[in-house]
Amino acid sequence: MRGTINKLVGVSISLACLAAGSFYLGGRAAREAAPGPQPANPFAGQFTGEPGDGWVLFGGFLLLVAVALIAAGLMLRTQEGRGQG
């Protein structure tokens, strides 16, 4: 059981690192992009796609999966400590 917990922690750490890399790539793409034309209506500007939004969205998804895996690992760890596993 301890091997499974170690694998879950390892996978969640690697997913968190990939999420950080994805956030970095999204921010880098946004910084390097040329500014586009501003819409006449400022409220319409919030619906236009910014460069790098896809990378940031993907990074957020990876971070959610990493948090879910670490929570599963903690649940397994506490059950093992109680002798239920």
PDB file of N, CA and C in Angstrom:
ATOM      1  N   MET A   1       0.824  -1.185   0.000  1.00  0.00           N
ATOM      2  CA  MET A   1       0.000   0.000   0.000  1.00  0.00           C
ATOM      3  C   MET A   1       0.875   1.257   0.000  1.00  0.00           C
ATOM      4  N   ARG A   2       1.989   1.195   0.692  1.00  0.00           N
ATOM      5  CA  ARG A   2       2.853   2.362   0.763  1.00  0.00           C
ATOM      6  C   ARG A   2       3.424   2.715  -0.609  1.00  0.00           C
ATOM      7  N   GLY A   3       3.641   1.719  -1.462  1.00  0.00           N
ATOM      8  CA  GLY A   3       4.113   1.979  -2.819  1.00  0.00           C
ATOM      9  C   GLY A   3       3.091   2.742  -3.641  1.00  0.00           C
ATOM     10  N   THR A   4       1.825   2.417  -3.444  1.00  0.00           N
ATOM     11  CA  THR A   4       0.762   3.136  -4.145  1.00  0.00           C
ATOM     12  C   THR A   4       0.702   4.584  -3.706  1.00  0.00           C
ATOM     13  N   ILE A   5       0.846   4.814  -2.413  1.00  0.00           N
ATOM     14  CA  ILE A   5       0.825   6.178  -1.893  1.00  0.00           C
ATOM     15  C   ILE A   5       2.006   6.969  -2.438  1.00  0.00           C
ATOM     16  N   ASN A   6       3.177   6.346  -2.472  1.00  0.00           N
ATOM     17  CA  ASN A   6       4.359   7.029  -3.008  1.00  0.00           C
ATOM     18  C   ASN A   6       4.187   7.362  -4.485  1.00  0.00           C
ATOM     19  N   LYS A   7       3.561   6.457  -5.234  1.00  0.00           N
ATOM     20  CA  LYS A   7       3.313   6.726  -6.654  1.00  0.00           C
ATOM     21  C   LYS A   7       2.332   7.882  -6.826  1.00  0.00           C
ATOM     22  N   LEU A   8       1.279   7.928  -6.010  1.00  0.00           N
ATOM     23  CA  LEU A   8       0.322   9.026  -6.091  1.00  0.00           C
ATOM     24  C   LEU A   8       0.982  10.369  -5.786  1.00  0.00           C
ATOM     25  N   VAL A   9       1.829  10.389  -4.772  1.00  0.00           N
ATOM     26  CA  VAL A   9       2.523  11.628  -4.426  1.00  0.00           C
ATOM     27  C   VAL A   9       3.473  12.029  -5.545  1.00  0.00           C
ATOM     28  N   GLY A  10       4.182  11.074  -6.105  1.00  0.00           N
ATOM     29  CA  GLY A  10       5.111  11.372  -7.203  1.00  0.00           C
ATOM     30  C   GLY A  10       4.404  11.905  -8.433  1.00  0.00           C
ATOM     31  N   VAL A  11       3.284  11.291  -8.773  1.00  0.00           N
ATOM     32  CA  VAL A  11       2.522  11.749  -9.938  1.00  0.00           C
ATOM     33  C   VAL A  11       1.946  13.135  -9.689  1.00  0.00           C
ATOM     34  N   SER A  12       1.466  13.383  -8.486  1.00  0.00           N
ATOM     35  CA  SER A  12       0.888  14.699  -8.204  1.00  0.00           C
ATOM     36  C   SER A  12       1.954  15.788  -8.213  1.00  0.00           C
ATOM     37  N   ILE A  13       3.148  15.490  -7.739  1.00  0.00           N
ATOM     38  CA  ILE A  13       4.238  16.468  -7.791  1.00  0.00           C
ATOM     39  C   ILE A  13       4.629  16.747  -9.238  1.00  0.00           C
ATOM     40  N   SER A  14       4.703  15.708 -10.061  1.00  0.00           N
ATOM     41  CA  SER A  14       5.062  15.933 -11.460  1.00  0.00           C
ATOM     42  C   SER A  14       3.963  16.707 -12.194  1.00  0.00           C
ATOM     43  N   LEU A  15       2.699  16.442 -11.884  1.00  0.00           N
ATOM     44  CA  LEU A  15       1.608  17.205 -12.505  1.00  0.00           C
ATOM     45  C   LEU A  15       1.639  18.668 -12.057  1.00  0.00           C
ATOM     46  N   ALA A  16       1.981  18.908 -10.800  1.00  0.00           N
ATOM     47  CA  ALA A  16       2.088  20.293 -10.329  1.00  0.00           C
ATOM     48  C   ALA A  16       3.230  21.015 -11.037  1.00  0.00           C
ATOM     49  N   CYS A  17       4.330  20.316 -11.294  1.00  0.00           N
ATOM     50  CA  CYS A  17       5.442  20.924 -12.039  1.00  0.00           C
ATOM     51  C   CYS A  17       5.036  21.206 -13.487  1.00  0.00           C
ATOM     52  N   LEU A  18       4.314  20.292 -14.092  1.00  0.00           N
ATOM     53  CA  LEU A  18       3.821  20.527 -15.451  1.00  0.00           C
ATOM     54  C   LEU A  18       2.839  21.698 -15.486  1.00  0.00           C
ATOM     55  N   ALA A  19       2.018  21.830 -14.451  1.00  0.00           N
ATOM     56  CA  ALA A  19       1.090  22.957 -14.377  1.00  0.00           C
ATOM     57  C   ALA A  19       1.853  24.274 -14.273  1.00  0.00           C
ATOM     58  N   ALA A  20       2.912  24.293 -13.462  1.00  0.00           N
ATOM     59  CA  ALA A  20       3.718  25.509 -13.344  1.00  0.00           C
ATOM     60  C   ALA A  20       4.369  25.855 -14.677  1.00  0.00           C
ATOM     61  N   GLY A  21       4.840  24.850 -15.398  1.00  0.00           N
ATOM     62  CA  GLY A  21       5.411  25.089 -16.718  1.00  0.00           C
ATOM     63  C   GLY A  21       4.379  25.610 -17.704  1.00  0.00           C
ATOM     64  N   SER A  22       3.172  25.098 -17.603  1.00  0.00           N
ATOM     65  CA  SER A  22       2.106  25.561 -18.484  1.00  0.00           C
ATOM     66  C   SER A  22       1.731  27.001 -18.175  1.00  0.00           C
ATOM     67  N   PHE A  23       1.668  27.350 -16.893  1.00  0.00           N
ATOM     68  CA  PHE A  23       1.413  28.745 -16.518  1.00  0.00           C
ATOM     69  C   PHE A  23       2.514  29.652 -17.049  1.00  0.00           C
ATOM     70  N   TYR A  24       3.758  29.182 -16.968  1.00  0.00           N
ATOM     71  CA  TYR A  24       4.885  29.970 -17.461  1.00  0.00           C
ATOM     72  C   TYR A  24       4.772  30.190 -18.971  1.00  0.00           C
ATOM     73  N   LEU A  25       4.472  29.124 -19.714  1.00  0.00           N
ATOM     74  CA  LEU A  25       4.347  29.253 -21.161  1.00  0.00           C
ATOM     75  C   LEU A  25       3.191  30.178 -21.546  1.00  0.00           C
ATOM     76  N   GLY A  26       2.088  30.109 -20.813  1.00  0.00           N
ATOM     77  CA  GLY A  26       0.964  30.996 -21.093  1.00  0.00           C
ATOM     78  C   GLY A  26       1.305  32.450 -20.830  1.00  0.00           C
ATOM     79  N   GLY A  27       2.005  32.710 -19.736  1.00  0.00           N
ATOM     80  CA  GLY A  27       2.416  34.077 -19.444  1.00  0.00           C
ATOM     81  C   GLY A  27       3.435  34.598 -20.441  1.00  0.00           C
ATOM     82  N   ARG A  28       4.325  33.722 -20.858  1.00  0.00           N
ATOM     83  CA  ARG A  28       5.334  34.111 -21.846  1.00  0.00           C
ATOM     84  C   ARG A  28       4.688  34.434 -23.189  1.00  0.00           C
ATOM     85  N   ALA A  29       3.718  33.626 -23.586  1.00  0.00           N
ATOM     86  CA  ALA A  29       3.020  33.888 -24.853  1.00  0.00           C
ATOM     87  C   ALA A  29       2.241  35.199 -24.783  1.00  0.00           C
ATOM     88  N   ALA A  30       1.682  35.507 -23.628  1.00  0.00           N
ATOM     89  CA  ALA A  30       0.935  36.755 -23.479  1.00  0.00           C
ATOM     90  C   ALA A  30       1.871  37.964 -23.510  1.00  0.00           C
ATOM     91  N   ARG A  31       3.063  37.824 -22.917  1.00  0.00           N
ATOM     92  CA  ARG A  31       4.016  38.936 -22.919  1.00  0.00           C
ATOM     93  C   ARG A  31       4.581  39.201 -24.297  1.00  0.00           C
ATOM     94  N   GLU A  32       4.820  38.143 -25.064  1.00  0.00           N
ATOM     95  CA  GLU A  32       5.463  38.296 -26.372  1.00  0.00           C
ATOM     96  C   GLU A  32       4.489  38.684 -27.480  1.00  0.00           C
ATOM     97  N   ALA A  33       3.210  38.608 -27.221  1.00  0.00           N
ATOM     98  CA  ALA A  33       2.224  38.916 -28.256  1.00  0.00           C
ATOM     99  C   ALA A  33       2.108  40.423 -28.440  1.00  0.00           C
ATOM    100  N   ALA A  34       1.891  40.804 -29.680  1.00  0.00           N
ATOM    101  CA  ALA A  34       1.681  42.223 -29.978  1.00  0.00           C
ATOM    102  C   ALA A  34       0.283  42.621 -29.506  1.00  0.00           C
ATOM    103  N   PRO A  35       0.152  43.811 -28.953  1.00  0.00           N
ATOM    104  CA  PRO A  35      -1.194  44.215 -28.508  1.00  0.00           C
ATOM    105  C   PRO A  35      -2.147  44.355 -29.683  1.00  0.00           C
ATOM    106  N   GLY A  36      -3.318  43.802 -29.525  1.00  0.00           N
ATOM    107  CA  GLY A  36      -4.326  43.841 -30.582  1.00  0.00           C
ATOM    108  C   GLY A  36      -5.175  45.089 -30.478  1.00  0.00           C
ATOM    109  N   PRO A  37      -6.064  45.256 -31.426  1.00  0.00           N
ATOM    110  CA  PRO A  37      -6.943  46.432 -31.378  1.00  0.00           C
ATOM    111  C   PRO A  37      -7.905  46.337 -30.199  1.00  0.00           C
ATOM    112  N   GLN A  38      -8.142  47.457 -29.567  1.00  0.00           N
ATOM    113  CA  GLN A  38      -9.068  47.510 -28.439  1.00  0.00           C
ATOM    114  C   GLN A  38     -10.497  47.631 -28.952  1.00  0.00           C
ATOM    115  N   PRO A  39     -11.426  46.842 -28.418  1.00  0.00           N
ATOM    116  CA  PRO A  39     -12.817  46.949 -28.872  1.00  0.00           C
ATOM    117  C   PRO A  39     -13.433  48.268 -28.409  1.00  0.00           C
ATOM    118  N   ALA A  40     -14.429  48.716 -29.150  1.00  0.00           N
ATOM    119  CA  ALA A  40     -15.100  49.971 -28.812  1.00  0.00           C
ATOM    120  C   ALA A  40     -15.842  49.843 -27.479  1.00  0.00           C
ATOM    121  N   ASN A  41     -16.417  48.704 -27.238  1.00  0.00           N
ATOM    122  CA  ASN A  41     -17.130  48.460 -25.991  1.00  0.00           C
ATOM    123  C   ASN A  41     -16.171  47.776 -25.019  1.00  0.00           C
ATOM    124  N   PRO A  42     -15.853  48.359 -23.860  1.00  0.00           N
ATOM    125  CA  PRO A  42     -14.886  47.736 -22.955  1.00  0.00           C
ATOM    126  C   PRO A  42     -15.382  46.416 -22.369  1.00  0.00           C
ATOM    127  N   PHE A  43     -16.690  46.254 -22.261  1.00  0.00           N
ATOM    128  CA  PHE A  43     -17.209  44.993 -21.737  1.00  0.00           C
ATOM    129  C   PHE A  43     -17.055  43.853 -22.737  1.00  0.00           C
ATOM    130  N   ALA A  44     -17.013  44.168 -24.021  1.00  0.00           N
ATOM    131  CA  ALA A  44     -16.827  43.136 -25.041  1.00  0.00           C
ATOM    132  C   ALA A  44     -15.395  42.631 -25.040  1.00  0.00           C
ATOM    133  N   GLY A  45     -14.470  43.404 -24.511  1.00  0.00           N
ATOM    134  CA  GLY A  45     -13.065  42.996 -24.483  1.00  0.00           C
ATOM    135  C   GLY A  45     -12.792  41.797 -23.603  1.00  0.00           C
ATOM    136  N   GLN A  46     -13.646  41.545 -22.631  1.00  0.00           N
ATOM    137  CA  GLN A  46     -13.408  40.414 -21.739  1.00  0.00           C
ATOM    138  C   GLN A  46     -13.707  39.073 -22.404  1.00  0.00           C
ATOM    139  N   PHE A  47     -14.392  39.095 -23.540  1.00  0.00           N
ATOM    140  CA  PHE A  47     -14.720  37.854 -24.225  1.00  0.00           C
ATOM    141  C   PHE A  47     -13.772  37.533 -25.370  1.00  0.00           C
ATOM    142  N   THR A  48     -12.825  38.400 -25.636  1.00  0.00           N
ATOM    143  CA  THR A  48     -11.858  38.122 -26.690  1.00  0.00           C
ATOM    144  C   THR A  48     -10.752  37.246 -26.127  1.00  0.00           C
ATOM    145  N   GLY A  49     -10.247  36.359 -26.931  1.00  0.00           N
ATOM    146  CA  GLY A  49      -9.199  35.456 -26.497  1.00  0.00           C
ATOM    147  C   GLY A  49      -7.841  36.143 -26.453  1.00  0.00           C
ATOM    148  N   GLU A  50      -7.155  35.960 -25.369  1.00  0.00           N
ATOM    149  CA  GLU A  50      -5.801  36.490 -25.223  1.00  0.00           C
ATOM    150  C   GLU A  50      -4.812  35.398 -25.610  1.00  0.00           C
ATOM    151  N   PRO A  51      -3.652  35.775 -26.123  1.00  0.00           N
ATOM    152  CA  PRO A  51      -2.635  34.761 -26.411  1.00  0.00           C
ATOM    153  C   PRO A  51      -2.165  34.104 -25.114  1.00  0.00           C
ATOM    154  N   GLY A  52      -2.071  32.825 -25.116  1.00  0.00           N
ATOM    155  CA  GLY A  52      -1.613  32.088 -23.945  1.00  0.00           C
ATOM    156  C   GLY A  52      -2.722  31.629 -23.024  1.00  0.00           C
ATOM    157  N   ASP A  53      -3.966  31.959 -23.332  1.00  0.00           N
ATOM    158  CA  ASP A  53      -5.068  31.534 -22.471  1.00  0.00           C
ATOM    159  C   ASP A  53      -5.217  30.018 -22.434  1.00  0.00           C
ATOM    160  N   GLY A  54      -4.949  29.372 -23.542  1.00  0.00           N
ATOM    161  CA  GLY A  54      -5.050  27.913 -23.586  1.00  0.00           C
ATOM    162  C   GLY A  54      -4.050  27.245 -22.665  1.00  0.00           C
ATOM    163  N   TRP A  55      -2.833  27.767 -22.634  1.00  0.00           N
ATOM    164  CA  TRP A  55      -1.808  27.203 -21.745  1.00  0.00           C
ATOM    165  C   TRP A  55      -2.185  27.390 -20.281  1.00  0.00           C
ATOM    166  N   VAL A  56      -2.705  28.552 -19.949  1.00  0.00           N
ATOM    167  CA  VAL A  56      -3.090  28.817 -18.566  1.00  0.00           C
ATOM    168  C   VAL A  56      -4.272  27.937 -18.158  1.00  0.00           C
ATOM    169  N   LEU A  57      -5.222  27.761 -19.048  1.00  0.00           N
ATOM    170  CA  LEU A  57      -6.359  26.888 -18.770  1.00  0.00           C
ATOM    171  C   LEU A  57      -5.911  25.446 -18.562  1.00  0.00           C
ATOM    172  N   PHE A  58      -5.010  24.983 -19.406  1.00  0.00           N
ATOM    173  CA  PHE A  58      -4.480  23.626 -19.270  1.00  0.00           C
ATOM    174  C   PHE A  58      -3.712  23.466 -17.958  1.00  0.00           C
ATOM    175  N   GLY A  59      -2.950  24.494 -17.586  1.00  0.00           N
ATOM    176  CA  GLY A  59      -2.223  24.454 -16.323  1.00  0.00           C
ATOM    177  C   GLY A  59      -3.163  24.393 -15.134  1.00  0.00           C
ATOM    178  N   GLY A  60      -4.266  25.121 -15.198  1.00  0.00           N
ATOM    179  CA  GLY A  60      -5.251  25.054 -14.121  1.00  0.00           C
ATOM    180  C   GLY A  60      -5.874  23.672 -14.006  1.00  0.00           C
ATOM    181  N   PHE A  61      -6.146  23.049 -15.140  1.00  0.00           N
ATOM    182  CA  PHE A  61      -6.685  21.689 -15.128  1.00  0.00           C
ATOM    183  C   PHE A  61      -5.687  20.716 -14.510  1.00  0.00           C
ATOM    184  N   LEU A  62      -4.419  20.819 -14.892  1.00  0.00           N
ATOM    185  CA  LEU A  62      -3.398  19.938 -14.324  1.00  0.00           C
ATOM    186  C   LEU A  62      -3.256  20.146 -12.824  1.00  0.00           C
ATOM    187  N   LEU A  63      -3.359  21.392 -12.392  1.00  0.00           N
ATOM    188  CA  LEU A  63      -3.242  21.680 -10.970  1.00  0.00           C
ATOM    189  C   LEU A  63      -4.421  21.078 -10.196  1.00  0.00           C
ATOM    190  N   LEU A  64      -5.613  21.124 -10.760  1.00  0.00           N
ATOM    191  CA  LEU A  64      -6.772  20.497 -10.108  1.00  0.00           C
ATOM    192  C   LEU A  64      -6.601  18.986  -9.989  1.00  0.00           C
ATOM    193  N   VAL A  65      -6.079  18.368 -11.038  1.00  0.00           N
ATOM    194  CA  VAL A  65      -5.845  16.921 -10.994  1.00  0.00           C
ATOM    195  C   VAL A  65      -4.782  16.585  -9.963  1.00  0.00           C
ATOM    196  N   ALA A  66      -3.738  17.409  -9.868  1.00  0.00           N
ATOM    197  CA  ALA A  66      -2.685  17.166  -8.881  1.00  0.00           C
ATOM    198  C   ALA A  66      -3.228  17.275  -7.460  1.00  0.00           C
ATOM    199  N   VAL A  67      -4.081  18.253  -7.210  1.00  0.00           N
ATOM    200  CA  VAL A  67      -4.668  18.403  -5.873  1.00  0.00           C
ATOM    201  C   VAL A  67      -5.568  17.214  -5.553  1.00  0.00           C
ATOM    202  N   ALA A  68      -6.312  16.735  -6.533  1.00  0.00           N
ATOM    203  CA  ALA A  68      -7.176  15.574  -6.306  1.00  0.00           C
ATOM    204  C   ALA A  68      -6.348  14.331  -5.993  1.00  0.00           C
ATOM    205  N   LEU A  69      -5.243  14.158  -6.686  1.00  0.00           N
ATOM    206  CA  LEU A  69      -4.398  12.986  -6.427  1.00  0.00           C
ATOM    207  C   LEU A  69      -3.738  13.059  -5.062  1.00  0.00           C
ATOM    208  N   ILE A  70      -3.294  14.226  -4.664  1.00  0.00           N
ATOM    209  CA  ILE A  70      -2.666  14.331  -3.347  1.00  0.00           C
ATOM    210  C   ILE A  70      -3.702  14.128  -2.247  1.00  0.00           C
ATOM    211  N   ALA A  71      -4.943  14.551  -2.486  1.00  0.00           N
ATOM    212  CA  ALA A  71      -6.008  14.300  -1.510  1.00  0.00           C
ATOM    213  C   ALA A  71      -6.290  12.804  -1.410  1.00  0.00           C
ATOM    214  N   ALA A  72      -6.275  12.109  -2.526  1.00  0.00           N
ATOM    215  CA  ALA A  72      -6.476  10.655  -2.504  1.00  0.00           C
ATOM    216  C   ALA A  72      -5.335   9.971  -1.760  1.00  0.00           C
ATOM    217  N   GLY A  73      -4.119  10.435  -1.978  1.00  0.00           N
ATOM    218  CA  GLY A  73      -2.975   9.875  -1.260  1.00  0.00           C
ATOM    219  C   GLY A  73      -3.068  10.096   0.238  1.00  0.00           C
ATOM    220  N   LEU A  74      -3.523  11.283   0.635  1.00  0.00           N
ATOM    221  CA  LEU A  74      -3.683  11.555   2.070  1.00  0.00           C
ATOM    222  C   LEU A  74      -4.780  10.694   2.685  1.00  0.00           C
ATOM    223  N   MET A  75      -5.854  10.469   1.945  1.00  0.00           N
ATOM    224  CA  MET A  75      -6.921   9.605   2.459  1.00  0.00           C
ATOM    225  C   MET A  75      -6.416   8.172   2.633  1.00  0.00           C
ATOM    226  N   LEU A  76      -5.659   7.685   1.660  1.00  0.00           N
ATOM    227  CA  LEU A  76      -5.098   6.340   1.783  1.00  0.00           C
ATOM    228  C   LEU A  76      -4.127   6.247   2.951  1.00  0.00           C
ATOM    229  N   ARG A  77      -3.359   7.296   3.139  1.00  0.00           N
ATOM    230  CA  ARG A  77      -2.369   7.319   4.224  1.00  0.00           C
ATOM    231  C   ARG A  77      -3.056   7.275   5.587  1.00  0.00           C
ATOM    232  N   THR A  78      -4.131   8.043   5.753  1.00  0.00           N
ATOM    233  CA  THR A  78      -4.840   8.030   7.047  1.00  0.00           C
ATOM    234  C   THR A  78      -5.558   6.704   7.279  1.00  0.00           C
ATOM    235  N   GLN A  79      -6.099   6.100   6.226  1.00  0.00           N
ATOM    236  CA  GLN A  79      -6.740   4.796   6.394  1.00  0.00           C
ATOM    237  C   GLN A  79      -5.723   3.735   6.736  1.00  0.00           C
ATOM    238  N   GLU A  80      -4.537   3.830   6.163  1.00  0.00           N
ATOM    239  CA  GLU A  80      -3.493   2.859   6.473  1.00  0.00           C
ATOM    240  C   GLU A  80      -3.032   3.018   7.905  1.00  0.00           C
ATOM    241  N   GLY A  81      -2.969   4.256   8.367  1.00  0.00           N
ATOM    242  CA  GLY A  81      -2.548   4.519   9.745  1.00  0.00           C
ATOM    243  C   GLY A  81      -3.536   3.988  10.768  1.00  0.00           C
ATOM    244  N   ARG A  82      -4.804   3.971  10.433  1.00  0.00           N
ATOM    245  CA  ARG A  82      -5.836   3.447  11.333  1.00  0.00           C
ATOM    246  C   ARG A  82      -5.945   1.933  11.269  1.00  0.00           C
ATOM    247  N   GLY A  83      -5.326   1.335  10.281  1.00  0.00           N
ATOM    248  CA  GLY A  83      -5.403  -0.117  10.140  1.00  0.00           C
ATOM    249  C   GLY A  83      -6.586  -0.598   9.341  1.00  0.00           C
ATOM    250  N   GLN A  84      -7.230   0.311   8.600  1.00  0.00           N
ATOM    251  CA  GLN A  84      -8.393  -0.075   7.805  1.00  0.00           C
ATOM    252  C   GLN A  84      -8.011  -0.546   6.420  1.00  0.00           C
ATOM    253  N   GLY A  85      -6.805  -0.243   5.972  1.00  0.00           N
ATOM    254  CA  GLY A  85      -6.415  -0.575   4.607  1.00  0.00           C
ATOM    255  C   GLY A  85      -5.708  -1.835   4.566  1.00  0.00           C
TER     256      GLY A  85
END
